[in-house]
PDB file of all heavy atoms in Angstrom:
ATOM      1  N   VAL A   1      31.882  36.484  35.338  1.00  0.00           N
ATOM      2  CA  VAL A   1      31.559  35.561  34.251  1.00  0.00           C
ATOM      3  C   VAL A   1      32.292  34.255  34.569  1.00  0.00           C
ATOM      4  O   VAL A   1      33.521  34.290  34.686  1.00  0.00           O
ATOM      5  CB  VAL A   1      31.947  36.128  32.880  1.00  0.00           C
ATOM      6  CG1 VAL A   1      31.824  35.041  31.799  1.00  0.00           C
ATOM      7  CG2 VAL A   1      31.027  37.283  32.495  1.00  0.00           C
ATOM      8  N   TYR A   2      31.603  33.188  34.534  1.00  0.00           N
ATOM      9  CA  TYR A   2      32.147  31.875  34.867  1.00  0.00           C
ATOM     10  C   TYR A   2      31.945  30.963  33.657  1.00  0.00           C
ATOM     11  O   TYR A   2      30.791  30.813  33.205  1.00  0.00           O
ATOM     12  CB  TYR A   2      31.423  31.307  36.095  1.00  0.00           C
ATOM     13  CG  TYR A   2      31.851  29.925  36.591  1.00  0.00           C
ATOM     14  CD1 TYR A   2      33.049  29.770  37.312  1.00  0.00           C
ATOM     15  CD2 TYR A   2      31.061  28.787  36.365  1.00  0.00           C
ATOM     16  CE1 TYR A   2      33.426  28.518  37.795  1.00  0.00           C
ATOM     17  CE2 TYR A   2      31.437  27.536  36.862  1.00  0.00           C
ATOM     18  CZ  TYR A   2      32.648  27.416  37.586  1.00  0.00           C
ATOM     19  OH  TYR A   2      32.983  26.208  38.072  1.00  0.00           O
ATOM     20  N   LYS A   3      33.024  30.383  33.135  1.00  0.00           N
ATOM     21  CA  LYS A   3      32.942  29.615  31.946  1.00  0.00           C
ATOM     22  C   LYS A   3      33.873  28.412  31.931  1.00  0.00           C
ATOM     23  O   LYS A   3      34.977  28.504  32.461  1.00  0.00           O
ATOM     24  CB  LYS A   3      33.232  30.497  30.723  1.00  0.00           C
ATOM     25  CG  LYS A   3      32.977  29.911  29.346  1.00  0.00           C
ATOM     26  CD  LYS A   3      33.253  30.919  28.280  1.00  0.00           C
ATOM     27  CE  LYS A   3      33.064  30.358  26.867  1.00  0.00           C
ATOM     28  NZ  LYS A   3      31.682  29.904  26.593  1.00  0.00           N
ATOM     29  N   GLU A   4      33.396  27.338  31.368  1.00  0.00           N
ATOM     30  CA  GLU A   4      34.247  26.146  31.273  1.00  0.00           C
ATOM     31  C   GLU A   4      35.295  26.303  30.160  1.00  0.00           C
ATOM     32  O   GLU A   4      35.023  26.867  29.119  1.00  0.00           O
ATOM     33  CB  GLU A   4      33.355  24.945  30.935  1.00  0.00           C
ATOM     34  CG  GLU A   4      34.194  23.635  30.840  1.00  0.00           C
ATOM     35  CD  GLU A   4      33.330  22.422  30.383  1.00  0.00           C
ATOM     36  OE1 GLU A   4      32.090  22.581  30.324  1.00  0.00           O
ATOM     37  OE2 GLU A   4      33.971  21.434  30.011  1.00  0.00           O
ATOM     38  N   GLU A   5      36.507  25.855  30.482  1.00  0.00           N
ATOM     39  CA  GLU A   5      37.585  25.788  29.471  1.00  0.00           C
ATOM     40  C   GLU A   5      37.380  24.522  28.675  1.00  0.00           C
ATOM     41  O   GLU A   5      37.471  23.431  29.260  1.00  0.00           O
ATOM     42  CB  GLU A   5      39.004  25.822  30.128  1.00  0.00           C
ATOM     43  CG  GLU A   5      39.423  27.160  30.653  1.00  0.00           C
ATOM     44  CD  GLU A   5      40.859  27.111  31.108  1.00  0.00           C
ATOM     45  OE1 GLU A   5      41.236  26.512  32.094  1.00  0.00           O
ATOM     46  OE2 GLU A   5      41.688  27.670  30.372  1.00  0.00           O
ATOM     47  N   ILE A   6      37.208  24.655  27.328  1.00  0.00           N
ATOM     48  CA  ILE A   6      36.968  23.508  26.524  1.00  0.00           C
ATOM     49  C   ILE A   6      38.279  23.032  25.901  1.00  0.00           C
ATOM     50  O   ILE A   6      39.036  23.824  25.351  1.00  0.00           O
ATOM     51  CB  ILE A   6      35.996  23.817  25.382  1.00  0.00           C
ATOM     52  CG1 ILE A   6      34.642  24.333  25.994  1.00  0.00           C
ATOM     53  CG2 ILE A   6      35.736  22.615  24.542  1.00  0.00           C
ATOM     54  CD1 ILE A   6      33.974  23.329  26.897  1.00  0.00           C
ATOM     55  N   THR A   7      38.604  21.748  26.062  1.00  0.00           N
ATOM     56  CA  THR A   7      39.821  21.229  25.485  1.00  0.00           C
ATOM     57  C   THR A   7      39.424  20.015  24.600  1.00  0.00           C
ATOM     58  O   THR A   7      38.467  19.190  24.916  1.00  0.00           O
ATOM     59  CB  THR A   7      40.807  20.666  26.561  1.00  0.00           C
ATOM     60  OG1 THR A   7      40.125  19.739  27.416  1.00  0.00           O
ATOM     61  CG2 THR A   7      41.299  21.813  27.401  1.00  0.00           C
ATOM     62  N   LEU A   8      40.063  19.898  23.443  1.00  0.00           N
ATOM     63  CA  LEU A   8      39.789  18.817  22.493  1.00  0.00           C
ATOM     64  C   LEU A   8      40.723  17.633  22.829  1.00  0.00           C
ATOM     65  O   LEU A   8      41.913  17.741  22.931  1.00  0.00           O
ATOM     66  CB  LEU A   8      39.981  19.240  21.086  1.00  0.00           C
ATOM     67  CG  LEU A   8      39.048  20.405  20.610  1.00  0.00           C
ATOM     68  CD1 LEU A   8      39.439  20.804  19.208  1.00  0.00           C
ATOM     69  CD2 LEU A   8      37.613  19.989  20.655  1.00  0.00           C
ATOM     70  N   GLU A   9      40.089  16.464  22.964  1.00  0.00           N
ATOM     71  CA  GLU A   9      40.916  15.243  23.248  1.00  0.00           C
ATOM     72  C   GLU A   9      40.982  14.368  22.013  1.00  0.00           C
ATOM     73  O   GLU A   9      40.087  14.271  21.231  1.00  0.00           O
ATOM     74  CB  GLU A   9      40.264  14.451  24.412  1.00  0.00           C
ATOM     75  CG  GLU A   9      40.272  15.255  25.773  1.00  0.00           C
ATOM     76  CD  GLU A   9      39.750  14.346  26.880  1.00  0.00           C
ATOM     77  OE1 GLU A   9      39.411  13.182  26.605  1.00  0.00           O
ATOM     78  OE2 GLU A   9      39.612  14.843  28.004  1.00  0.00           O
ATOM     79  N   THR A  10      42.162  13.681  21.915  1.00  0.00           N
ATOM     80  CA  THR A  10      42.360  12.739  20.794  1.00  0.00           C
ATOM     81  C   THR A  10      41.590  11.487  21.103  1.00  0.00           C
ATOM     82  O   THR A  10      41.715  10.892  22.208  1.00  0.00           O
ATOM     83  CB  THR A  10      43.864  12.388  20.669  1.00  0.00           C
ATOM     84  OG1 THR A  10      44.546  13.623  20.492  1.00  0.00           O
ATOM     85  CG2 THR A  10      44.077  11.468  19.469  1.00  0.00           C
ATOM     86  N   PRO A  11      40.718  11.009  20.170  1.00  0.00           N
ATOM     87  CA  PRO A  11      39.997   9.791  20.360  1.00  0.00           C
ATOM     88  C   PRO A  11      40.892   8.556  20.715  1.00  0.00           C
ATOM     89  O   PRO A  11      41.966   8.431  20.122  1.00  0.00           O
ATOM     90  CB  PRO A  11      39.242   9.617  19.060  1.00  0.00           C
ATOM     91  CG  PRO A  11      39.232  10.929  18.422  1.00  0.00           C
ATOM     92  CD  PRO A  11      40.450  11.565  18.837  1.00  0.00           C
ATOM     93  N   SER A  12      40.456   7.692  21.574  1.00  0.00           N
ATOM     94  CA  SER A  12      41.131   6.528  21.931  1.00  0.00           C
ATOM     95  C   SER A  12      41.015   5.458  20.878  1.00  0.00           C
ATOM     96  O   SER A  12      39.936   5.287  20.343  1.00  0.00           O
ATOM     97  CB  SER A  12      40.721   6.016  23.290  1.00  0.00           C
ATOM     98  OG  SER A  12      41.279   4.754  23.534  1.00  0.00           O
ATOM     99  N   PRO A  13      42.106   4.726  20.554  1.00  0.00           N
ATOM    100  CA  PRO A  13      41.996   3.622  19.521  1.00  0.00           C
ATOM    101  C   PRO A  13      41.357   2.409  20.062  1.00  0.00           C
ATOM    102  O   PRO A  13      41.045   1.494  19.290  1.00  0.00           O
ATOM    103  CB  PRO A  13      43.499   3.392  19.221  1.00  0.00           C
ATOM    104  CG  PRO A  13      44.264   3.779  20.432  1.00  0.00           C
ATOM    105  CD  PRO A  13      43.492   4.938  21.054  1.00  0.00           C
ATOM    106  N   ASN A  14      41.065   2.343  21.381  1.00  0.00           N
ATOM    107  CA  ASN A  14      40.400   1.189  21.967  1.00  0.00           C
ATOM    108  C   ASN A  14      38.958   1.066  21.483  1.00  0.00           C
ATOM    109  O   ASN A  14      38.094   1.813  21.829  1.00  0.00           O
ATOM    110  CB  ASN A  14      40.436   1.284  23.530  1.00  0.00           C
ATOM    111  CG  ASN A  14      39.887   0.052  24.182  1.00  0.00           C
ATOM    112  OD1 ASN A  14      39.502  -0.877  23.512  1.00  0.00           O
ATOM    113  ND2 ASN A  14      39.995   0.081  25.490  1.00  0.00           N
ATOM    114  N   GLN A  15      38.712   0.004  20.667  1.00  0.00           N
ATOM    115  CA  GLN A  15      37.360  -0.189  20.062  1.00  0.00           C
ATOM    116  C   GLN A  15      36.320  -0.620  21.044  1.00  0.00           C
ATOM    117  O   GLN A  15      35.147  -0.567  20.843  1.00  0.00           O
ATOM    118  CB  GLN A  15      37.466  -1.215  18.945  1.00  0.00           C
ATOM    119  CG  GLN A  15      38.358  -0.765  17.829  1.00  0.00           C
ATOM    120  CD  GLN A  15      37.837   0.504  17.145  1.00  0.00           C
ATOM    121  OE1 GLN A  15      36.644   0.625  16.918  1.00  0.00           O
ATOM    122  NE2 GLN A  15      38.760   1.407  16.805  1.00  0.00           N
ATOM    123  N   ASN A  16      36.810  -1.148  22.249  1.00  0.00           N
ATOM    124  CA  ASN A  16      35.845  -1.683  23.255  1.00  0.00           C
ATOM    125  C   ASN A  16      35.419  -0.638  24.250  1.00  0.00           C
ATOM    126  O   ASN A  16      34.669  -0.905  25.188  1.00  0.00           O
ATOM    127  CB  ASN A  16      36.503  -2.883  23.988  1.00  0.00           C
ATOM    128  CG  ASN A  16      36.795  -4.046  23.021  1.00  0.00           C
ATOM    129  OD1 ASN A  16      35.971  -4.330  22.201  1.00  0.00           O
ATOM    130  ND2 ASN A  16      37.933  -4.685  23.202  1.00  0.00           N
ATOM    131  N   GLN A  17      35.914   0.575  24.062  1.00  0.00           N
ATOM    132  CA  GLN A  17      35.599   1.600  25.007  1.00  0.00           C
ATOM    133  C   GLN A  17      34.119   2.084  24.866  1.00  0.00           C
ATOM    134  O   GLN A  17      33.547   2.072  23.799  1.00  0.00           O
ATOM    135  CB  GLN A  17      36.485   2.866  24.758  1.00  0.00           C
ATOM    136  CG  GLN A  17      37.142   3.319  26.080  1.00  0.00           C
ATOM    137  CD  GLN A  17      38.047   4.450  25.798  1.00  0.00           C
ATOM    138  OE1 GLN A  17      38.121   5.021  24.744  1.00  0.00           O
ATOM    139  NE2 GLN A  17      38.837   4.791  26.797  1.00  0.00           N
ATOM    140  N   ILE A  18      33.528   2.426  25.996  1.00  0.00           N
ATOM    141  CA  ILE A  18      32.171   2.950  25.979  1.00  0.00           C
ATOM    142  C   ILE A  18      32.270   4.479  25.913  1.00  0.00           C
ATOM    143  O   ILE A  18      32.947   5.118  26.705  1.00  0.00           O
ATOM    144  CB  ILE A  18      31.416   2.579  27.344  1.00  0.00           C
ATOM    145  CG1 ILE A  18      31.389   1.017  27.413  1.00  0.00           C
ATOM    146  CG2 ILE A  18      30.049   3.212  27.343  1.00  0.00           C
ATOM    147  CD1 ILE A  18      30.878   0.574  28.774  1.00  0.00           C
ATOM    148  N   ALA A  19      31.574   5.010  24.926  1.00  0.00           N
ATOM    149  CA  ALA A  19      31.652   6.464  24.707  1.00  0.00           C
ATOM    150  C   ALA A  19      30.554   7.180  25.514  1.00  0.00           C
ATOM    151  O   ALA A  19      29.382   6.802  25.492  1.00  0.00           O
ATOM    152  CB  ALA A  19      31.414   6.751  23.196  1.00  0.00           C
ATOM    153  N   ILE A  20      30.964   8.182  26.326  1.00  0.00           N
ATOM    154  CA  ILE A  20      30.039   8.984  27.088  1.00  0.00           C
ATOM    155  C   ILE A  20      29.914  10.322  26.471  1.00  0.00           C
ATOM    156  O   ILE A  20      30.879  11.059  26.324  1.00  0.00           O
ATOM    157  CB  ILE A  20      30.553   9.116  28.536  1.00  0.00           C
ATOM    158  CG1 ILE A  20      30.862   7.760  29.177  1.00  0.00           C
ATOM    159  CG2 ILE A  20      29.519   9.868  29.377  1.00  0.00           C
ATOM    160  CD1 ILE A  20      29.677   6.853  29.263  1.00  0.00           C
ATOM    161  N   VAL A  21      28.763  10.656  25.987  1.00  0.00           N
ATOM    162  CA  VAL A  21      28.517  11.918  25.296  1.00  0.00           C
ATOM    163  C   VAL A  21      27.410  12.724  25.974  1.00  0.00           C
ATOM    164  O   VAL A  21      26.361  12.212  26.316  1.00  0.00           O
ATOM    165  CB  VAL A  21      28.073  11.664  23.813  1.00  0.00           C
ATOM    166  CG1 VAL A  21      27.867  12.977  23.123  1.00  0.00           C
ATOM    167  CG2 VAL A  21      29.162  10.875  23.058  1.00  0.00           C
ATOM    168  N   PHE A  22      27.724  14.005  26.264  1.00  0.00           N
ATOM    169  CA  PHE A  22      26.699  14.919  26.864  1.00  0.00           C
ATOM    170  C   PHE A  22      26.374  15.962  25.889  1.00  0.00           C
ATOM    171  O   PHE A  22      27.255  16.533  25.219  1.00  0.00           O
ATOM    172  CB  PHE A  22      27.322  15.485  28.138  1.00  0.00           C
ATOM    173  CG  PHE A  22      27.644  14.513  29.220  1.00  0.00           C
ATOM    174  CD1 PHE A  22      28.928  13.998  29.282  1.00  0.00           C
ATOM    175  CD2 PHE A  22      26.691  14.013  30.038  1.00  0.00           C
ATOM    176  CE1 PHE A  22      29.217  13.020  30.222  1.00  0.00           C
ATOM    177  CE2 PHE A  22      26.972  13.099  31.030  1.00  0.00           C
ATOM    178  CZ  PHE A  22      28.276  12.600  31.113  1.00  0.00           C
ATOM    179  N   SER A  23      25.077  16.241  25.837  1.00  0.00           N
ATOM    180  CA  SER A  23      24.635  17.238  24.804  1.00  0.00           C
ATOM    181  C   SER A  23      24.293  18.585  25.411  1.00  0.00           C
ATOM    182  O   SER A  23      23.854  19.473  24.738  1.00  0.00           O
ATOM    183  CB  SER A  23      23.433  16.682  24.076  1.00  0.00           C
ATOM    184  OG  SER A  23      22.344  16.490  24.954  1.00  0.00           O
ATOM    185  N   ASN A  24      24.404  18.729  26.750  1.00  0.00           N
ATOM    186  CA  ASN A  24      24.003  19.973  27.366  1.00  0.00           C
ATOM    187  C   ASN A  24      25.045  20.337  28.454  1.00  0.00           C
ATOM    188  O   ASN A  24      25.729  19.457  29.033  1.00  0.00           O
ATOM    189  CB  ASN A  24      22.674  19.873  28.037  1.00  0.00           C
ATOM    190  CG  ASN A  24      22.597  18.919  29.138  1.00  0.00           C
ATOM    191  OD1 ASN A  24      22.905  17.778  29.006  1.00  0.00           O
ATOM    192  ND2 ASN A  24      22.117  19.394  30.284  1.00  0.00           N
TER     193      ASN A  24
END
């Protein structure tokens, strides 16, 4: 069984950052 380890990251306060979001 092969599985990704999920870690939660603290959002960056930088308002100019481009958010990359993957849904799959």
